[in-house]
Amino acid sequence: MLIKCKSKGSAVLVQLMGELDHHSAKEVKDQLELYLRDSNVKDLILDFEQLRFMDSSGIGVLIGRYNTLKKRNGQMAVVNVNKQVDKIMTISGLYRIIKKIS
């Protein structure tokens, strides 16, 4: 898993490249937590353009970071979601709490 981050003001854009599964979930969680340590960060945008796969471990990572942002009155969004990941996001109900930006 490769992770790139850009921050601008109170927003952080994170590109995830590879697979978000039980092998990489802890690494991704830890890296996102580092970005969210700054209490000024209110919004997190995840770019899934190069995310090939996500399983239930990835869902857990997203929900945990959503809960952190919710406490700050922040928001979470995803962009560039492929069909496979979009299906996981839809079936799991994540789009009820995480905005999909087209």
N, C-alpha and C. Protein backbone atom coordinates (compact mmCIF):
# COMPACT_ATOMS: atom_id res chain seq x y z
N MET A 1 0.86 -1.17 0.00
CA MET A 1 0.00 0.00 0.00
C MET A 1 0.90 1.22 0.00
N LEU A 2 0.59 2.14 -0.91
CA LEU A 2 1.29 3.41 -0.97
C LEU A 2 0.29 4.50 -0.63
N ILE A 3 0.71 5.44 0.21
CA ILE A 3 -0.17 6.50 0.68
C ILE A 3 0.52 7.84 0.45
N LYS A 4 -0.19 8.76 -0.21
CA LYS A 4 0.32 10.12 -0.41
C LYS A 4 -0.69 11.09 0.19
N CYS A 5 -0.17 12.15 0.78
CA CYS A 5 -1.03 13.10 1.47
C CYS A 5 -0.70 14.53 1.06
N LYS A 6 -1.76 15.33 0.91
CA LYS A 6 -1.62 16.76 0.68
C LYS A 6 -2.60 17.44 1.61
N SER A 7 -2.14 18.46 2.31
CA SER A 7 -3.07 19.18 3.18
C SER A 7 -3.18 20.62 2.73
N LYS A 8 -4.38 21.15 2.92
CA LYS A 8 -4.65 22.54 2.57
C LYS A 8 -5.66 23.07 3.58
N GLY A 9 -5.19 23.93 4.45
CA GLY A 9 -6.06 24.47 5.48
C GLY A 9 -6.56 23.37 6.40
N SER A 10 -7.87 23.28 6.52
CA SER A 10 -8.46 22.28 7.42
C SER A 10 -8.79 20.97 6.71
N ALA A 11 -8.37 20.83 5.45
CA ALA A 11 -8.67 19.61 4.68
C ALA A 11 -7.39 18.84 4.35
N VAL A 12 -7.53 17.53 4.30
CA VAL A 12 -6.43 16.64 3.92
C VAL A 12 -6.92 15.75 2.79
N LEU A 13 -6.12 15.68 1.72
CA LEU A 13 -6.40 14.77 0.60
C LEU A 13 -5.40 13.64 0.68
N VAL A 14 -5.91 12.41 0.74
CA VAL A 14 -5.05 11.23 0.85
C VAL A 14 -5.31 10.31 -0.33
N GLN A 15 -4.24 9.99 -1.05
CA GLN A 15 -4.33 9.04 -2.16
C GLN A 15 -3.91 7.67 -1.64
N LEU A 16 -4.76 6.68 -1.85
CA LEU A 16 -4.45 5.31 -1.47
C LEU A 16 -4.19 4.50 -2.73
N MET A 17 -3.05 3.83 -2.78
CA MET A 17 -2.68 3.06 -3.96
C MET A 17 -2.36 1.63 -3.56
N GLY A 18 -3.10 0.69 -4.12
CA GLY A 18 -2.89 -0.71 -3.79
C GLY A 18 -4.17 -1.35 -3.31
N GLU A 19 -4.06 -2.13 -2.23
CA GLU A 19 -5.21 -2.84 -1.68
C GLU A 19 -5.37 -2.49 -0.21
N LEU A 20 -6.60 -2.17 0.16
CA LEU A 20 -6.93 -1.86 1.57
C LEU A 20 -7.63 -3.09 2.13
N ASP A 21 -6.82 -4.00 2.69
CA ASP A 21 -7.34 -5.26 3.22
C ASP A 21 -6.71 -5.54 4.58
N HIS A 22 -6.90 -6.75 5.08
CA HIS A 22 -6.39 -7.07 6.42
C HIS A 22 -4.87 -6.97 6.51
N HIS A 23 -4.18 -7.04 5.38
CA HIS A 23 -2.72 -6.93 5.38
C HIS A 23 -2.26 -5.48 5.54
N SER A 24 -3.03 -4.54 5.01
CA SER A 24 -2.60 -3.14 5.01
C SER A 24 -3.43 -2.23 5.90
N ALA A 25 -4.50 -2.74 6.49
CA ALA A 25 -5.42 -1.89 7.25
C ALA A 25 -4.74 -1.16 8.40
N LYS A 26 -3.90 -1.83 9.16
CA LYS A 26 -3.23 -1.18 10.29
C LYS A 26 -2.32 -0.06 9.81
N GLU A 27 -1.58 -0.31 8.75
CA GLU A 27 -0.69 0.72 8.19
C GLU A 27 -1.49 1.95 7.75
N VAL A 28 -2.59 1.73 7.04
CA VAL A 28 -3.42 2.83 6.57
C VAL A 28 -4.04 3.56 7.75
N LYS A 29 -4.56 2.82 8.71
CA LYS A 29 -5.16 3.43 9.92
C LYS A 29 -4.14 4.30 10.63
N ASP A 30 -2.94 3.76 10.86
CA ASP A 30 -1.90 4.50 11.56
C ASP A 30 -1.51 5.77 10.79
N GLN A 31 -1.39 5.66 9.49
CA GLN A 31 -1.00 6.82 8.69
C GLN A 31 -2.10 7.89 8.71
N LEU A 32 -3.35 7.48 8.58
CA LEU A 32 -4.45 8.44 8.64
C LEU A 32 -4.53 9.09 10.01
N GLU A 33 -4.27 8.32 11.05
CA GLU A 33 -4.28 8.88 12.40
C GLU A 33 -3.20 9.96 12.56
N LEU A 34 -2.06 9.75 11.91
CA LEU A 34 -1.01 10.78 11.96
C LEU A 34 -1.50 12.09 11.34
N TYR A 35 -2.19 11.98 10.21
CA TYR A 35 -2.72 13.18 9.55
C TYR A 35 -3.79 13.85 10.39
N LEU A 36 -4.56 13.04 11.11
CA LEU A 36 -5.68 13.58 11.88
C LEU A 36 -5.27 14.01 13.30
N ARG A 37 -4.01 13.84 13.64
CA ARG A 37 -3.55 14.32 14.96
C ARG A 37 -3.71 15.82 15.09
N ASP A 38 -3.57 16.50 13.96
CA ASP A 38 -3.76 17.96 13.95
C ASP A 38 -5.25 18.24 14.14
N SER A 39 -5.60 18.79 15.28
CA SER A 39 -7.01 19.02 15.59
C SER A 39 -7.65 20.07 14.68
N ASN A 40 -6.84 20.78 13.90
CA ASN A 40 -7.39 21.75 12.93
C ASN A 40 -7.93 21.07 11.69
N VAL A 41 -7.55 19.80 11.47
CA VAL A 41 -8.04 19.06 10.31
C VAL A 41 -9.50 18.69 10.56
N LYS A 42 -10.38 19.16 9.70
CA LYS A 42 -11.81 18.91 9.84
C LYS A 42 -12.34 17.99 8.75
N ASP A 43 -11.69 18.02 7.59
CA ASP A 43 -12.20 17.27 6.44
C ASP A 43 -11.12 16.36 5.86
N LEU A 44 -11.55 15.16 5.50
CA LEU A 44 -10.66 14.16 4.92
C LEU A 44 -11.26 13.71 3.60
N ILE A 45 -10.48 13.84 2.54
CA ILE A 45 -10.89 13.37 1.22
C ILE A 45 -9.95 12.24 0.83
N LEU A 46 -10.53 11.09 0.54
CA LEU A 46 -9.75 9.92 0.13
C LEU A 46 -9.88 9.73 -1.37
N ASP A 47 -8.75 9.71 -2.05
CA ASP A 47 -8.72 9.49 -3.49
C ASP A 47 -8.46 8.01 -3.74
N PHE A 48 -9.47 7.35 -4.30
CA PHE A 48 -9.41 5.90 -4.53
C PHE A 48 -9.05 5.54 -5.97
N GLU A 49 -8.53 6.48 -6.75
CA GLU A 49 -8.26 6.22 -8.16
C GLU A 49 -7.37 5.00 -8.36
N GLN A 50 -6.40 4.83 -7.48
CA GLN A 50 -5.47 3.70 -7.62
C GLN A 50 -5.65 2.63 -6.54
N LEU A 51 -6.81 2.68 -5.87
CA LEU A 51 -7.15 1.63 -4.91
C LEU A 51 -7.81 0.49 -5.67
N ARG A 52 -7.16 -0.65 -5.72
CA ARG A 52 -7.66 -1.76 -6.53
C ARG A 52 -8.67 -2.63 -5.80
N PHE A 53 -8.58 -2.66 -4.45
CA PHE A 53 -9.40 -3.61 -3.69
C PHE A 53 -9.59 -3.09 -2.27
N MET A 54 -10.76 -3.35 -1.70
CA MET A 54 -11.02 -3.05 -0.30
C MET A 54 -11.93 -4.13 0.27
N ASP A 55 -11.61 -4.59 1.48
CA ASP A 55 -12.46 -5.58 2.14
C ASP A 55 -13.01 -5.00 3.45
N SER A 56 -13.55 -5.85 4.30
CA SER A 56 -14.18 -5.37 5.54
C SER A 56 -13.19 -4.68 6.46
N SER A 57 -11.92 -5.04 6.40
CA SER A 57 -10.91 -4.34 7.20
C SER A 57 -10.82 -2.88 6.78
N GLY A 58 -10.92 -2.64 5.49
CA GLY A 58 -10.91 -1.27 4.98
C GLY A 58 -12.13 -0.49 5.43
N ILE A 59 -13.26 -1.17 5.47
CA ILE A 59 -14.50 -0.53 5.95
C ILE A 59 -14.30 -0.06 7.39
N GLY A 60 -13.69 -0.90 8.19
CA GLY A 60 -13.42 -0.54 9.58
C GLY A 60 -12.50 0.67 9.70
N VAL A 61 -11.49 0.73 8.86
CA VAL A 61 -10.57 1.87 8.86
C VAL A 61 -11.34 3.15 8.54
N LEU A 62 -12.20 3.10 7.53
CA LEU A 62 -12.97 4.29 7.14
C LEU A 62 -13.93 4.73 8.24
N ILE A 63 -14.63 3.78 8.84
CA ILE A 63 -15.59 4.13 9.89
C ILE A 63 -14.87 4.76 11.10
N GLY A 64 -13.73 4.23 11.46
CA GLY A 64 -12.97 4.79 12.58
C GLY A 64 -12.55 6.23 12.33
N ARG A 65 -12.07 6.52 11.13
CA ARG A 65 -11.65 7.89 10.81
C ARG A 65 -12.87 8.81 10.69
N TYR A 66 -13.97 8.27 10.19
CA TYR A 66 -15.22 9.05 10.14
C TYR A 66 -15.62 9.48 11.55
N ASN A 67 -15.55 8.57 12.50
CA ASN A 67 -15.93 8.88 13.88
C ASN A 67 -15.03 9.97 14.47
N THR A 68 -13.75 9.93 14.16
CA THR A 68 -12.83 10.97 14.62
C THR A 68 -13.26 12.33 14.07
N LEU A 69 -13.55 12.39 12.78
CA LEU A 69 -13.94 13.64 12.14
C LEU A 69 -15.29 14.14 12.62
N LYS A 70 -16.20 13.22 12.85
CA LYS A 70 -17.54 13.59 13.32
C LYS A 70 -17.47 14.34 14.64
N LYS A 71 -16.58 13.92 15.52
CA LYS A 71 -16.40 14.59 16.81
C LYS A 71 -15.93 16.03 16.64
N ARG A 72 -15.30 16.31 15.49
CA ARG A 72 -14.80 17.67 15.19
C ARG A 72 -15.76 18.45 14.31
N ASN A 73 -16.93 17.90 14.08
CA ASN A 73 -17.88 18.48 13.13
C ASN A 73 -17.29 18.56 11.72
N GLY A 74 -16.46 17.58 11.41
CA GLY A 74 -15.85 17.50 10.09
C GLY A 74 -16.59 16.55 9.18
N GLN A 75 -16.06 16.40 7.98
CA GLN A 75 -16.67 15.52 6.99
C GLN A 75 -15.61 14.64 6.33
N MET A 76 -16.11 13.58 5.74
CA MET A 76 -15.25 12.65 5.02
C MET A 76 -15.86 12.43 3.64
N ALA A 77 -15.00 12.36 2.62
CA ALA A 77 -15.49 12.15 1.25
C ALA A 77 -14.50 11.25 0.52
N VAL A 78 -15.01 10.63 -0.55
CA VAL A 78 -14.17 9.81 -1.43
C VAL A 78 -14.33 10.30 -2.86
N VAL A 79 -13.26 10.17 -3.63
CA VAL A 79 -13.28 10.54 -5.05
C VAL A 79 -12.64 9.41 -5.85
N ASN A 80 -12.97 9.38 -7.13
CA ASN A 80 -12.37 8.42 -8.08
C ASN A 80 -12.52 6.97 -7.63
N VAL A 81 -13.74 6.59 -7.29
CA VAL A 81 -14.01 5.24 -6.79
C VAL A 81 -14.27 4.30 -7.96
N ASN A 82 -13.52 3.18 -8.03
CA ASN A 82 -13.75 2.22 -9.12
C ASN A 82 -14.97 1.34 -8.81
N LYS A 83 -15.37 0.54 -9.78
CA LYS A 83 -16.60 -0.26 -9.65
C LYS A 83 -16.57 -1.21 -8.46
N GLN A 84 -15.45 -1.90 -8.27
CA GLN A 84 -15.36 -2.89 -7.19
C GLN A 84 -15.48 -2.22 -5.83
N VAL A 85 -14.73 -1.15 -5.63
CA VAL A 85 -14.77 -0.46 -4.34
C VAL A 85 -16.11 0.24 -4.17
N ASP A 86 -16.67 0.78 -5.24
CA ASP A 86 -17.98 1.42 -5.18
C ASP A 86 -19.05 0.42 -4.71
N LYS A 87 -18.96 -0.80 -5.17
CA LYS A 87 -19.91 -1.84 -4.77
C LYS A 87 -19.79 -2.11 -3.26
N ILE A 88 -18.57 -2.19 -2.75
CA ILE A 88 -18.34 -2.41 -1.32
C ILE A 88 -18.89 -1.23 -0.51
N MET A 89 -18.64 -0.02 -0.99
CA MET A 89 -19.11 1.18 -0.30
C MET A 89 -20.65 1.22 -0.27
N THR A 90 -21.27 0.83 -1.36
CA THR A 90 -22.73 0.84 -1.46
C THR A 90 -23.35 -0.23 -0.56
N ILE A 91 -22.88 -1.46 -0.70
CA ILE A 91 -23.44 -2.58 0.06
C ILE A 91 -23.26 -2.37 1.57
N SER A 92 -22.12 -1.83 1.97
CA SER A 92 -21.84 -1.63 3.39
C SER A 92 -22.60 -0.45 3.98
N GLY A 93 -23.15 0.40 3.12
CA GLY A 93 -23.88 1.58 3.60
C GLY A 93 -22.97 2.76 3.92
N LEU A 94 -21.71 2.68 3.54
CA LEU A 94 -20.78 3.76 3.84
C LEU A 94 -21.17 5.09 3.21
N TYR A 95 -21.87 5.02 2.08
CA TYR A 95 -22.27 6.27 1.42
C TYR A 95 -23.31 7.04 2.23
N ARG A 96 -23.87 6.42 3.25
CA ARG A 96 -24.78 7.16 4.13
C ARG A 96 -24.04 8.12 5.04
N ILE A 97 -22.76 7.84 5.28
CA ILE A 97 -21.98 8.70 6.16
C ILE A 97 -20.79 9.36 5.46
N ILE A 98 -20.37 8.80 4.34
CA ILE A 98 -19.23 9.32 3.60
C ILE A 98 -19.70 9.77 2.22
N LYS A 99 -19.44 11.02 1.90
CA LYS A 99 -19.89 11.59 0.64
C LYS A 99 -19.01 11.12 -0.51
N LYS A 100 -19.67 10.79 -1.63
CA LYS A 100 -18.96 10.43 -2.86
C LYS A 100 -18.97 11.65 -3.76
N ILE A 101 -17.78 12.12 -4.11
CA ILE A 101 -17.66 13.27 -5.00
C ILE A 101 -17.33 12.74 -6.39
N SER A 102 -18.14 13.11 -7.35
CA SER A 102 -17.93 12.63 -8.73
C SER A 102 -16.93 13.48 -9.47
